[in-house]
Amino acid sequence: MGLFDIETIAFTVLNYPVSYVELIGTLFGFISVFLASKVNILTWPTGILNEVFLFLLFFQVQLYADMFLQVYFLTVTLYGWYNWKVKTPENTIKKLSFGSLGNTILLIVVLSIPAGYLIQNLHLYLPQYFKIPAAFPYIDSLVMTASIFATILLSQKKLDNWYIWISVDLICVVLYSVKGIYFLALEYFVFLGMAIYGYHYWRKQLING
């Protein structure tokens, strides 16, 4: 077993073994989301570390949509880092129109359906890499699609990113609990609180802007 195998345990909490890969991914996730809620540009480099370790974790627990999502996150993280540093003044927070937000939600739902079908059959398309069928492919794909749009909105400093993150966090708390990744489920419960805080903090910045 390697250091970042889910069977390599860092410590145990209430009889739940926490692997190094889950621990490191979780800690950097906390740091990144907290920094995002404070509109701090360091959310992006800490996010990269979170993405690398969650990629390793999700592959090992057959949440393939979430695994691929980390690759996308890495790309958008680099874009967001550049956008916040070079193109967007630190205090520039904007809001989508009601119609644009509605279209965004519709796109998330529509795109998650073919994505779920693809993830559901991934073990048939690429059996040499994915030997076990995906767990909860449609829910996993909804999380993936919603997270894609939320990250884009975050990189553009749109207040509405927090609406989507709150929904994603609620789903993930349940999904990861069912999959038995309790430490990560706890992380997303905390993320939920951070997302609510981030919304109120960003909204205050927007009003006072």
N, C-alpha and C. Protein backbone atom coordinates (compact mmCIF):
# COMPACT_ATOMS: atom_id res chain seq x y z
N MET A 1 0.83 -1.20 0.00
CA MET A 1 0.00 0.00 0.00
C MET A 1 0.87 1.26 0.00
N GLY A 2 0.50 2.24 -0.81
CA GLY A 2 1.21 3.50 -0.84
C GLY A 2 0.66 4.45 0.21
N LEU A 3 1.38 5.55 0.41
CA LEU A 3 0.97 6.52 1.42
C LEU A 3 -0.41 7.08 1.12
N PHE A 4 -0.75 7.24 -0.17
CA PHE A 4 -2.02 7.85 -0.54
C PHE A 4 -3.06 6.84 -0.98
N ASP A 5 -2.90 5.61 -0.55
CA ASP A 5 -3.92 4.58 -0.71
C ASP A 5 -4.95 4.78 0.41
N ILE A 6 -6.23 4.56 0.10
CA ILE A 6 -7.27 4.79 1.13
C ILE A 6 -7.14 3.79 2.28
N GLU A 7 -6.35 2.75 2.08
CA GLU A 7 -6.14 1.79 3.17
C GLU A 7 -5.01 2.21 4.10
N THR A 8 -4.27 3.25 3.74
CA THR A 8 -3.20 3.76 4.60
C THR A 8 -3.78 4.82 5.52
N ILE A 9 -3.89 4.48 6.79
CA ILE A 9 -4.66 5.27 7.75
C ILE A 9 -3.78 6.23 8.54
N ALA A 10 -4.23 7.48 8.63
CA ALA A 10 -3.52 8.49 9.43
C ALA A 10 -3.92 8.38 10.90
N PHE A 11 -5.23 8.27 11.17
CA PHE A 11 -5.73 8.11 12.52
C PHE A 11 -7.18 7.64 12.45
N THR A 12 -7.72 7.31 13.59
CA THR A 12 -9.10 6.82 13.67
C THR A 12 -9.91 7.72 14.59
N VAL A 13 -11.10 8.11 14.15
CA VAL A 13 -11.99 8.95 14.95
C VAL A 13 -13.32 8.23 15.10
N LEU A 14 -13.70 7.91 16.34
CA LEU A 14 -14.96 7.21 16.61
C LEU A 14 -15.09 5.95 15.75
N ASN A 15 -14.02 5.19 15.70
CA ASN A 15 -13.94 3.93 14.94
C ASN A 15 -13.94 4.13 13.43
N TYR A 16 -13.84 5.38 12.97
CA TYR A 16 -13.76 5.63 11.53
C TYR A 16 -12.31 5.91 11.16
N PRO A 17 -11.71 5.08 10.29
CA PRO A 17 -10.31 5.28 9.90
C PRO A 17 -10.18 6.38 8.85
N VAL A 18 -9.38 7.38 9.15
CA VAL A 18 -9.16 8.50 8.23
C VAL A 18 -7.85 8.29 7.49
N SER A 19 -7.92 8.10 6.18
CA SER A 19 -6.72 7.88 5.38
C SER A 19 -5.98 9.19 5.18
N TYR A 20 -4.69 9.09 4.83
CA TYR A 20 -3.90 10.29 4.57
C TYR A 20 -4.46 11.07 3.39
N VAL A 21 -4.88 10.36 2.35
CA VAL A 21 -5.37 11.04 1.16
C VAL A 21 -6.65 11.81 1.46
N GLU A 22 -7.54 11.22 2.28
CA GLU A 22 -8.77 11.91 2.65
C GLU A 22 -8.48 13.08 3.58
N LEU A 23 -7.54 12.89 4.50
CA LEU A 23 -7.19 13.93 5.46
C LEU A 23 -6.60 15.16 4.76
N ILE A 24 -5.62 14.93 3.89
CA ILE A 24 -4.95 16.06 3.23
C ILE A 24 -5.91 16.78 2.29
N GLY A 25 -6.69 16.01 1.52
CA GLY A 25 -7.67 16.62 0.63
C GLY A 25 -8.68 17.45 1.39
N THR A 26 -9.11 16.92 2.53
CA THR A 26 -10.11 17.62 3.35
C THR A 26 -9.55 18.92 3.93
N LEU A 27 -8.34 18.86 4.48
CA LEU A 27 -7.77 20.04 5.11
C LEU A 27 -7.58 21.18 4.11
N PHE A 28 -7.05 20.86 2.94
CA PHE A 28 -6.85 21.90 1.94
C PHE A 28 -8.19 22.37 1.36
N GLY A 29 -9.19 21.51 1.39
CA GLY A 29 -10.53 21.93 0.98
C GLY A 29 -11.08 22.98 1.94
N PHE A 30 -10.92 22.73 3.25
CA PHE A 30 -11.36 23.70 4.25
C PHE A 30 -10.69 25.05 4.03
N ILE A 31 -9.38 25.00 3.86
CA ILE A 31 -8.61 26.24 3.72
C ILE A 31 -9.05 27.01 2.47
N SER A 32 -9.21 26.28 1.36
CA SER A 32 -9.57 26.93 0.10
C SER A 32 -10.95 27.57 0.15
N VAL A 33 -11.93 26.85 0.70
CA VAL A 33 -13.29 27.40 0.77
C VAL A 33 -13.35 28.59 1.72
N PHE A 34 -12.64 28.51 2.84
CA PHE A 34 -12.62 29.64 3.76
C PHE A 34 -12.04 30.88 3.08
N LEU A 35 -10.95 30.70 2.35
CA LEU A 35 -10.32 31.82 1.67
C LEU A 35 -11.24 32.38 0.58
N ALA A 36 -11.98 31.50 -0.10
CA ALA A 36 -12.94 31.96 -1.12
C ALA A 36 -14.03 32.80 -0.48
N SER A 37 -14.51 32.37 0.69
CA SER A 37 -15.58 33.11 1.36
C SER A 37 -15.13 34.51 1.77
N LYS A 38 -13.80 34.69 1.94
CA LYS A 38 -13.25 35.98 2.31
C LYS A 38 -12.72 36.75 1.10
N VAL A 39 -12.99 36.25 -0.10
CA VAL A 39 -12.53 36.85 -1.35
C VAL A 39 -11.01 36.99 -1.35
N ASN A 40 -10.32 35.93 -0.89
CA ASN A 40 -8.86 35.93 -0.80
C ASN A 40 -8.28 35.11 -1.95
N ILE A 41 -7.36 35.66 -2.71
CA ILE A 41 -6.83 35.02 -3.90
C ILE A 41 -6.09 33.71 -3.60
N LEU A 42 -5.66 33.50 -2.36
CA LEU A 42 -4.97 32.26 -2.01
C LEU A 42 -5.91 31.05 -2.03
N THR A 43 -7.20 31.28 -2.24
CA THR A 43 -8.13 30.17 -2.42
C THR A 43 -7.72 29.29 -3.59
N TRP A 44 -7.07 29.89 -4.61
CA TRP A 44 -6.75 29.13 -5.82
C TRP A 44 -5.56 28.19 -5.65
N PRO A 45 -4.39 28.61 -5.14
CA PRO A 45 -3.31 27.63 -4.96
C PRO A 45 -3.62 26.55 -3.94
N THR A 46 -4.35 26.90 -2.87
CA THR A 46 -4.72 25.86 -1.91
C THR A 46 -5.75 24.92 -2.53
N GLY A 47 -6.56 25.45 -3.45
CA GLY A 47 -7.53 24.62 -4.16
C GLY A 47 -6.87 23.57 -5.02
N ILE A 48 -5.72 23.90 -5.59
CA ILE A 48 -5.00 22.93 -6.44
C ILE A 48 -4.62 21.69 -5.63
N LEU A 49 -4.12 21.90 -4.42
CA LEU A 49 -3.74 20.77 -3.58
C LEU A 49 -4.96 19.93 -3.20
N ASN A 50 -6.07 20.59 -2.91
CA ASN A 50 -7.32 19.90 -2.62
C ASN A 50 -7.73 19.01 -3.80
N GLU A 51 -7.62 19.53 -5.00
CA GLU A 51 -8.05 18.81 -6.21
C GLU A 51 -7.19 17.57 -6.48
N VAL A 52 -5.89 17.69 -6.27
CA VAL A 52 -4.99 16.56 -6.52
C VAL A 52 -5.32 15.38 -5.60
N PHE A 53 -5.50 15.66 -4.33
CA PHE A 53 -5.75 14.58 -3.38
C PHE A 53 -7.16 14.01 -3.50
N LEU A 54 -8.13 14.85 -3.84
CA LEU A 54 -9.48 14.31 -4.03
C LEU A 54 -9.56 13.48 -5.30
N PHE A 55 -8.79 13.81 -6.31
CA PHE A 55 -8.73 12.98 -7.52
C PHE A 55 -8.31 11.55 -7.14
N LEU A 56 -7.28 11.44 -6.33
CA LEU A 56 -6.80 10.12 -5.90
C LEU A 56 -7.86 9.40 -5.07
N LEU A 57 -8.54 10.13 -4.19
CA LEU A 57 -9.55 9.52 -3.33
C LEU A 57 -10.74 9.02 -4.14
N PHE A 58 -11.28 9.85 -5.02
CA PHE A 58 -12.49 9.49 -5.76
C PHE A 58 -12.26 8.32 -6.71
N PHE A 59 -11.07 8.22 -7.26
CA PHE A 59 -10.76 7.07 -8.11
C PHE A 59 -10.87 5.78 -7.32
N GLN A 60 -10.42 5.82 -6.08
CA GLN A 60 -10.38 4.61 -5.27
C GLN A 60 -11.76 4.22 -4.71
N VAL A 61 -12.72 5.15 -4.69
CA VAL A 61 -14.05 4.82 -4.19
C VAL A 61 -15.09 4.81 -5.31
N GLN A 62 -14.62 4.79 -6.56
CA GLN A 62 -15.46 4.65 -7.75
C GLN A 62 -16.46 5.78 -7.97
N LEU A 63 -16.15 6.98 -7.48
CA LEU A 63 -16.96 8.15 -7.81
C LEU A 63 -16.27 8.86 -8.98
N TYR A 64 -16.44 8.27 -10.17
CA TYR A 64 -15.65 8.67 -11.32
C TYR A 64 -15.99 10.08 -11.81
N ALA A 65 -17.25 10.47 -11.72
CA ALA A 65 -17.60 11.82 -12.14
C ALA A 65 -16.89 12.84 -11.26
N ASP A 66 -16.87 12.59 -9.97
CA ASP A 66 -16.16 13.47 -9.05
C ASP A 66 -14.66 13.46 -9.33
N MET A 67 -14.15 12.32 -9.75
CA MET A 67 -12.73 12.22 -10.08
C MET A 67 -12.39 13.11 -11.27
N PHE A 68 -13.19 12.98 -12.35
CA PHE A 68 -12.96 13.81 -13.54
C PHE A 68 -13.18 15.28 -13.22
N LEU A 69 -14.07 15.54 -12.29
CA LEU A 69 -14.36 16.92 -11.91
C LEU A 69 -13.11 17.62 -11.38
N GLN A 70 -12.25 16.88 -10.70
CA GLN A 70 -11.04 17.49 -10.16
C GLN A 70 -10.11 17.98 -11.26
N VAL A 71 -10.10 17.28 -12.41
CA VAL A 71 -9.28 17.70 -13.55
C VAL A 71 -9.82 19.03 -14.08
N TYR A 72 -11.13 19.11 -14.19
CA TYR A 72 -11.75 20.35 -14.63
C TYR A 72 -11.46 21.48 -13.63
N PHE A 73 -11.61 21.16 -12.33
CA PHE A 73 -11.36 22.15 -11.30
C PHE A 73 -9.95 22.73 -11.42
N LEU A 74 -9.00 21.86 -11.73
CA LEU A 74 -7.62 22.33 -11.86
C LEU A 74 -7.50 23.38 -12.96
N THR A 75 -8.16 23.12 -14.09
CA THR A 75 -8.14 24.06 -15.21
C THR A 75 -8.77 25.40 -14.82
N VAL A 76 -9.96 25.33 -14.21
CA VAL A 76 -10.66 26.56 -13.84
C VAL A 76 -9.94 27.27 -12.69
N THR A 77 -9.29 26.51 -11.84
CA THR A 77 -8.52 27.12 -10.76
C THR A 77 -7.41 28.01 -11.32
N LEU A 78 -6.73 27.52 -12.34
CA LEU A 78 -5.68 28.31 -12.96
C LEU A 78 -6.26 29.57 -13.61
N TYR A 79 -7.44 29.40 -14.26
CA TYR A 79 -8.12 30.56 -14.86
C TYR A 79 -8.56 31.55 -13.78
N GLY A 80 -9.17 31.03 -12.71
CA GLY A 80 -9.64 31.89 -11.64
C GLY A 80 -8.51 32.65 -10.97
N TRP A 81 -7.40 31.96 -10.76
CA TRP A 81 -6.22 32.58 -10.16
C TRP A 81 -5.76 33.76 -11.02
N TYR A 82 -5.67 33.53 -12.33
CA TYR A 82 -5.28 34.59 -13.27
C TYR A 82 -6.32 35.71 -13.29
N ASN A 83 -7.60 35.34 -13.33
CA ASN A 83 -8.66 36.34 -13.45
C ASN A 83 -8.72 37.26 -12.24
N TRP A 84 -8.60 36.66 -11.04
CA TRP A 84 -8.64 37.47 -9.82
C TRP A 84 -7.41 38.36 -9.71
N LYS A 85 -6.27 37.85 -10.14
CA LYS A 85 -5.01 38.58 -9.97
C LYS A 85 -4.84 39.68 -11.01
N VAL A 86 -5.23 39.41 -12.27
CA VAL A 86 -4.91 40.30 -13.37
C VAL A 86 -6.11 41.10 -13.89
N LYS A 87 -7.27 40.41 -14.02
CA LYS A 87 -8.38 41.03 -14.75
C LYS A 87 -9.48 41.61 -13.87
N THR A 88 -9.62 41.09 -12.66
CA THR A 88 -10.75 41.50 -11.81
C THR A 88 -10.27 42.19 -10.55
N PRO A 89 -10.61 43.46 -10.34
CA PRO A 89 -10.25 44.14 -9.09
C PRO A 89 -10.77 43.36 -7.88
N GLU A 90 -10.07 43.45 -6.77
CA GLU A 90 -10.35 42.60 -5.61
C GLU A 90 -11.78 42.72 -5.11
N ASN A 91 -12.37 43.90 -5.16
CA ASN A 91 -13.70 44.09 -4.57
C ASN A 91 -14.84 44.04 -5.57
N THR A 92 -14.55 43.65 -6.81
CA THR A 92 -15.59 43.65 -7.84
C THR A 92 -16.42 42.38 -7.76
N ILE A 93 -17.56 42.43 -7.10
CA ILE A 93 -18.50 41.32 -7.00
C ILE A 93 -19.77 41.72 -7.74
N LYS A 94 -20.28 40.81 -8.57
CA LYS A 94 -21.47 41.09 -9.37
C LYS A 94 -22.51 40.00 -9.15
N LYS A 95 -23.68 40.21 -9.70
CA LYS A 95 -24.79 39.26 -9.52
C LYS A 95 -25.43 38.98 -10.87
N LEU A 96 -25.80 37.73 -11.11
CA LEU A 96 -26.52 37.37 -12.32
C LEU A 96 -27.94 37.92 -12.28
N SER A 97 -28.50 38.17 -13.46
CA SER A 97 -29.92 38.51 -13.52
C SER A 97 -30.74 37.27 -13.18
N PHE A 98 -32.01 37.46 -12.84
CA PHE A 98 -32.88 36.33 -12.49
C PHE A 98 -32.97 35.33 -13.65
N GLY A 99 -33.08 35.87 -14.87
CA GLY A 99 -33.17 35.00 -16.04
C GLY A 99 -31.90 34.21 -16.28
N SER A 100 -30.74 34.85 -16.10
CA SER A 100 -29.46 34.15 -16.30
C SER A 100 -29.27 33.06 -15.26
N LEU A 101 -29.68 33.33 -14.03
CA LEU A 101 -29.57 32.31 -12.99
C LEU A 101 -30.48 31.13 -13.30
N GLY A 102 -31.71 31.42 -13.78
CA GLY A 102 -32.63 30.35 -14.14
C GLY A 102 -32.09 29.50 -15.28
N ASN A 103 -31.50 30.14 -16.28
CA ASN A 103 -30.91 29.40 -17.40
C ASN A 103 -29.73 28.55 -16.95
N THR A 104 -28.98 29.06 -16.01
CA THR A 104 -27.84 28.31 -15.48
C THR A 104 -28.31 27.04 -14.78
N ILE A 105 -29.35 27.16 -13.96
CA ILE A 105 -29.89 26.00 -13.25
C ILE A 105 -30.44 24.97 -14.24
N LEU A 106 -31.15 25.46 -15.27
CA LEU A 106 -31.68 24.56 -16.29
C LEU A 106 -30.56 23.81 -17.01
N LEU A 107 -29.49 24.51 -17.36
CA LEU A 107 -28.36 23.88 -18.03
C LEU A 107 -27.72 22.81 -17.14
N ILE A 108 -27.61 23.09 -15.86
CA ILE A 108 -27.03 22.12 -14.93
C ILE A 108 -27.83 20.82 -14.95
N VAL A 109 -29.16 20.93 -14.87
CA VAL A 109 -30.02 19.74 -14.85
C VAL A 109 -29.94 18.98 -16.18
N VAL A 110 -30.04 19.72 -17.28
CA VAL A 110 -30.05 19.09 -18.60
C VAL A 110 -28.72 18.39 -18.89
N LEU A 111 -27.62 19.04 -18.61
CA LEU A 111 -26.31 18.47 -18.93
C LEU A 111 -25.93 17.31 -18.02
N SER A 112 -26.51 17.26 -16.82
CA SER A 112 -26.17 16.18 -15.90
C SER A 112 -26.75 14.84 -16.35
N ILE A 113 -27.77 14.86 -17.22
CA ILE A 113 -28.39 13.61 -17.66
C ILE A 113 -27.47 12.82 -18.59
N PRO A 114 -26.98 13.40 -19.71
CA PRO A 114 -26.04 12.63 -20.53
C PRO A 114 -24.74 12.33 -19.81
N ALA A 115 -24.32 13.23 -18.92
CA ALA A 115 -23.11 12.97 -18.15
C ALA A 115 -23.31 11.75 -17.25
N GLY A 116 -24.50 11.63 -16.64
CA GLY A 116 -24.79 10.48 -15.80
C GLY A 116 -24.81 9.19 -16.58
N TYR A 117 -25.35 9.24 -17.80
CA TYR A 117 -25.39 8.04 -18.65
C TYR A 117 -23.96 7.61 -18.99
N LEU A 118 -23.12 8.58 -19.31
CA LEU A 118 -21.73 8.26 -19.65
C LEU A 118 -21.01 7.65 -18.47
N ILE A 119 -21.16 8.24 -17.31
CA ILE A 119 -20.49 7.73 -16.11
C ILE A 119 -21.03 6.36 -15.73
N GLN A 120 -22.34 6.15 -15.92
CA GLN A 120 -22.96 4.86 -15.60
C GLN A 120 -22.34 3.73 -16.41
N ASN A 121 -21.94 4.03 -17.65
CA ASN A 121 -21.41 3.00 -18.55
C ASN A 121 -19.89 3.06 -18.71
N LEU A 122 -19.23 3.83 -17.88
CA LEU A 122 -17.80 4.02 -18.03
C LEU A 122 -17.03 2.71 -17.89
N HIS A 123 -17.49 1.84 -17.02
CA HIS A 123 -16.80 0.56 -16.83
C HIS A 123 -16.94 -0.35 -18.05
N LEU A 124 -17.94 -0.07 -18.89
CA LEU A 124 -18.11 -0.84 -20.12
C LEU A 124 -17.25 -0.27 -21.25
N TYR A 125 -17.11 1.05 -21.26
CA TYR A 125 -16.31 1.70 -22.29
C TYR A 125 -14.82 1.52 -22.06
N LEU A 126 -14.41 1.61 -20.81
CA LEU A 126 -12.98 1.54 -20.47
C LEU A 126 -12.75 0.55 -19.33
N PRO A 127 -13.04 -0.73 -19.58
CA PRO A 127 -12.94 -1.71 -18.49
C PRO A 127 -11.53 -1.90 -17.95
N GLN A 128 -10.53 -1.57 -18.77
CA GLN A 128 -9.16 -1.74 -18.30
C GLN A 128 -8.79 -0.74 -17.22
N TYR A 129 -9.51 0.40 -17.17
CA TYR A 129 -9.24 1.43 -16.18
C TYR A 129 -10.29 1.47 -15.07
N PHE A 130 -11.53 1.17 -15.41
CA PHE A 130 -12.64 1.26 -14.46
C PHE A 130 -13.29 -0.11 -14.34
N LYS A 131 -12.79 -0.92 -13.42
CA LYS A 131 -13.22 -2.30 -13.31
C LYS A 131 -14.54 -2.45 -12.54
N ILE A 132 -14.89 -1.44 -11.74
CA ILE A 132 -16.09 -1.49 -10.92
C ILE A 132 -17.07 -0.42 -11.41
N PRO A 133 -18.36 -0.76 -11.57
CA PRO A 133 -19.33 0.25 -12.02
C PRO A 133 -19.38 1.45 -11.09
N ALA A 134 -19.69 2.60 -11.67
CA ALA A 134 -19.77 3.83 -10.88
C ALA A 134 -20.89 3.77 -9.86
N ALA A 135 -20.67 4.40 -8.73
CA ALA A 135 -21.68 4.49 -7.69
C ALA A 135 -22.50 5.77 -7.88
N PHE A 136 -23.82 5.64 -7.87
CA PHE A 136 -24.74 6.78 -7.98
C PHE A 136 -24.36 7.72 -9.14
N PRO A 137 -24.30 7.19 -10.37
CA PRO A 137 -23.76 7.99 -11.49
C PRO A 137 -24.52 9.27 -11.78
N TYR A 138 -25.85 9.27 -11.65
CA TYR A 138 -26.62 10.47 -12.00
C TYR A 138 -26.51 11.54 -10.92
N ILE A 139 -26.54 11.13 -9.67
CA ILE A 139 -26.36 12.10 -8.58
C ILE A 139 -24.93 12.64 -8.63
N ASP A 140 -23.98 11.74 -8.83
CA ASP A 140 -22.58 12.14 -8.93
C ASP A 140 -22.38 13.13 -10.07
N SER A 141 -23.05 12.89 -11.19
CA SER A 141 -22.93 13.76 -12.36
C SER A 141 -23.61 15.11 -12.12
N LEU A 142 -24.70 15.10 -11.36
CA LEU A 142 -25.36 16.37 -11.01
C LEU A 142 -24.41 17.23 -10.16
N VAL A 143 -23.74 16.59 -9.22
CA VAL A 143 -22.75 17.29 -8.40
C VAL A 143 -21.64 17.84 -9.29
N MET A 144 -21.18 17.01 -10.22
CA MET A 144 -20.11 17.43 -11.12
C MET A 144 -20.53 18.63 -11.96
N THR A 145 -21.70 18.54 -12.59
CA THR A 145 -22.16 19.62 -13.47
C THR A 145 -22.41 20.91 -12.70
N ALA A 146 -23.05 20.79 -11.55
CA ALA A 146 -23.31 21.98 -10.73
C ALA A 146 -22.01 22.61 -10.27
N SER A 147 -21.04 21.78 -9.91
CA SER A 147 -19.76 22.30 -9.44
C SER A 147 -19.01 23.02 -10.55
N ILE A 148 -19.16 22.52 -11.78
CA ILE A 148 -18.53 23.18 -12.93
C ILE A 148 -19.04 24.61 -13.07
N PHE A 149 -20.35 24.76 -13.04
CA PHE A 149 -20.93 26.09 -13.19
C PHE A 149 -20.62 26.97 -11.98
N ALA A 150 -20.64 26.39 -10.79
CA ALA A 150 -20.35 27.17 -9.59
C ALA A 150 -18.92 27.70 -9.62
N THR A 151 -17.98 26.88 -10.09
CA THR A 151 -16.59 27.30 -10.14
C THR A 151 -16.38 28.41 -11.17
N ILE A 152 -17.07 28.31 -12.29
CA ILE A 152 -17.00 29.38 -13.29
C ILE A 152 -17.50 30.70 -12.69
N LEU A 153 -18.65 30.64 -12.01
CA LEU A 153 -19.20 31.84 -11.40
C LEU A 153 -18.28 32.39 -10.30
N LEU A 154 -17.64 31.47 -9.55
CA LEU A 154 -16.69 31.90 -8.52
C LEU A 154 -15.51 32.62 -9.15
N SER A 155 -15.00 32.06 -10.26
CA SER A 155 -13.83 32.67 -10.92
C SER A 155 -14.17 34.05 -11.48
N GLN A 156 -15.46 34.27 -11.76
CA GLN A 156 -15.91 35.57 -12.28
C GLN A 156 -16.45 36.49 -11.17
N LYS A 157 -16.31 36.05 -9.94
CA LYS A 157 -16.78 36.79 -8.77
C LYS A 157 -18.27 37.12 -8.85
N LYS A 158 -19.07 36.12 -9.23
CA LYS A 158 -20.52 36.27 -9.23
C LYS A 158 -21.07 35.76 -7.90
N LEU A 159 -21.86 36.57 -7.24
CA LEU A 159 -22.46 36.19 -5.97
C LEU A 159 -23.22 34.87 -6.05
N ASP A 160 -23.82 34.62 -7.21
CA ASP A 160 -24.69 33.46 -7.38
C ASP A 160 -23.97 32.12 -7.25
N ASN A 161 -22.63 32.13 -7.30
CA ASN A 161 -21.90 30.87 -7.14
C ASN A 161 -22.24 30.20 -5.82
N TRP A 162 -22.56 31.02 -4.80
CA TRP A 162 -22.84 30.45 -3.48
C TRP A 162 -24.17 29.74 -3.42
N TYR A 163 -25.17 30.16 -4.22
CA TYR A 163 -26.44 29.42 -4.29
C TYR A 163 -26.18 27.98 -4.73
N ILE A 164 -25.34 27.85 -5.75
CA ILE A 164 -25.07 26.53 -6.30
C ILE A 164 -24.22 25.70 -5.35
N TRP A 165 -23.22 26.34 -4.74
CA TRP A 165 -22.38 25.58 -3.80
C TRP A 165 -23.18 25.08 -2.60
N ILE A 166 -24.13 25.88 -2.13
CA ILE A 166 -24.96 25.43 -1.01
C ILE A 166 -25.73 24.17 -1.39
N SER A 167 -26.28 24.14 -2.61
CA SER A 167 -27.01 22.96 -3.08
C SER A 167 -26.09 21.76 -3.23
N VAL A 168 -24.90 21.99 -3.80
CA VAL A 168 -23.92 20.91 -3.97
C VAL A 168 -23.51 20.34 -2.62
N ASP A 169 -23.25 21.20 -1.66
CA ASP A 169 -22.81 20.74 -0.34
C ASP A 169 -23.88 19.89 0.34
N LEU A 170 -25.14 20.27 0.20
CA LEU A 170 -26.23 19.48 0.79
C LEU A 170 -26.26 18.08 0.19
N ILE A 171 -26.14 17.99 -1.14
CA ILE A 171 -26.17 16.69 -1.82
C ILE A 171 -24.97 15.86 -1.39
N CYS A 172 -23.79 16.49 -1.33
CA CYS A 172 -22.56 15.75 -1.02
C CYS A 172 -22.55 15.20 0.40
N VAL A 173 -23.14 15.91 1.33
CA VAL A 173 -23.21 15.40 2.70
C VAL A 173 -23.91 14.05 2.72
N VAL A 174 -25.01 13.94 1.99
CA VAL A 174 -25.77 12.70 1.93
C VAL A 174 -25.02 11.64 1.12
N LEU A 175 -24.52 12.03 -0.06
CA LEU A 175 -23.85 11.08 -0.96
C LEU A 175 -22.63 10.44 -0.31
N TYR A 176 -21.78 11.25 0.28
CA TYR A 176 -20.55 10.72 0.87
C TYR A 176 -20.83 9.93 2.15
N SER A 177 -21.90 10.28 2.84
CA SER A 177 -22.29 9.48 4.01
C SER A 177 -22.72 8.08 3.58
N VAL A 178 -23.50 8.01 2.51
CA VAL A 178 -23.95 6.72 1.99
C VAL A 178 -22.77 5.88 1.52
N LYS A 179 -21.76 6.54 0.90
CA LYS A 179 -20.57 5.83 0.42
C LYS A 179 -19.60 5.49 1.54
N GLY A 180 -19.88 5.97 2.76
CA GLY A 180 -19.03 5.64 3.90
C GLY A 180 -17.78 6.48 4.01
N ILE A 181 -17.73 7.62 3.28
CA ILE A 181 -16.58 8.52 3.38
C ILE A 181 -16.97 9.61 4.39
N TYR A 182 -17.01 9.23 5.64
CA TYR A 182 -17.63 10.08 6.66
C TYR A 182 -16.84 11.36 6.93
N PHE A 183 -15.51 11.26 6.86
CA PHE A 183 -14.71 12.44 7.11
C PHE A 183 -14.96 13.49 6.03
N LEU A 184 -15.09 13.04 4.78
CA LEU A 184 -15.38 13.94 3.68
C LEU A 184 -16.81 14.48 3.78
N ALA A 185 -17.74 13.64 4.24
CA ALA A 185 -19.11 14.09 4.45
C ALA A 185 -19.14 15.20 5.51
N LEU A 186 -18.35 15.03 6.56
CA LEU A 186 -18.25 16.07 7.59
C LEU A 186 -17.68 17.34 7.00
N GLU A 187 -16.68 17.19 6.12
CA GLU A 187 -16.10 18.35 5.47
C GLU A 187 -17.16 19.14 4.70
N TYR A 188 -18.02 18.42 3.96
CA TYR A 188 -19.03 19.11 3.17
C TYR A 188 -20.12 19.71 4.05
N PHE A 189 -20.32 19.17 5.22
CA PHE A 189 -21.24 19.80 6.16
C PHE A 189 -20.68 21.15 6.62
N VAL A 190 -19.38 21.15 6.88
CA VAL A 190 -18.72 22.41 7.24
C VAL A 190 -18.71 23.36 6.04
N PHE A 191 -18.46 22.79 4.83
CA PHE A 191 -18.51 23.60 3.61
C PHE A 191 -19.87 24.29 3.47
N LEU A 192 -20.92 23.58 3.85
CA LEU A 192 -22.26 24.15 3.77
C LEU A 192 -22.35 25.42 4.61
N GLY A 193 -21.83 25.33 5.83
CA GLY A 193 -21.82 26.52 6.68
C GLY A 193 -20.95 27.63 6.10
N MET A 194 -19.80 27.24 5.54
CA MET A 194 -18.92 28.23 4.92
C MET A 194 -19.57 28.89 3.71
N ALA A 195 -20.31 28.09 2.92
CA ALA A 195 -20.98 28.63 1.73
C ALA A 195 -22.05 29.63 2.12
N ILE A 196 -22.78 29.32 3.20
CA ILE A 196 -23.80 30.26 3.69
C ILE A 196 -23.12 31.55 4.17
N TYR A 197 -22.01 31.38 4.90
CA TYR A 197 -21.26 32.55 5.35
C TYR A 197 -20.71 33.33 4.15
N GLY A 198 -20.16 32.60 3.16
CA GLY A 198 -19.60 33.25 1.98
C GLY A 198 -20.65 34.06 1.24
N TYR A 199 -21.85 33.50 1.13
CA TYR A 199 -22.94 34.23 0.47
C TYR A 199 -23.22 35.56 1.18
N HIS A 200 -23.35 35.50 2.50
CA HIS A 200 -23.67 36.72 3.25
C HIS A 200 -22.51 37.72 3.20
N TYR A 201 -21.26 37.21 3.26
CA TYR A 201 -20.10 38.11 3.21
C TYR A 201 -20.01 38.79 1.85
N TRP A 202 -20.16 37.99 0.76
CA TRP A 202 -20.10 38.55 -0.58
C TRP A 202 -21.26 39.51 -0.83
N ARG A 203 -22.43 39.16 -0.32
CA ARG A 203 -23.60 40.04 -0.52
C ARG A 203 -23.37 41.40 0.16
N LYS A 204 -22.77 41.35 1.34
CA LYS A 204 -22.45 42.59 2.05
C LYS A 204 -21.46 43.42 1.24
N GLN A 205 -20.43 42.72 0.67
CA GLN A 205 -19.45 43.42 -0.15
C GLN A 205 -20.10 44.04 -1.39
N LEU A 206 -21.06 43.31 -1.98
CA LEU A 206 -21.76 43.79 -3.17
C LEU A 206 -22.58 45.04 -2.84
N ILE A 207 -23.30 44.99 -1.71
CA ILE A 207 -24.14 46.13 -1.31
C ILE A 207 -23.28 47.35 -0.99
N ASN A 208 -22.14 47.10 -0.32
CA ASN A 208 -21.29 48.21 0.09
C ASN A 208 -20.33 48.65 -1.01
N GLY A 209 -20.28 47.79 -2.10
CA GLY A 209 -19.34 47.94 -3.19
C GLY A 209 -19.13 49.25 -3.77
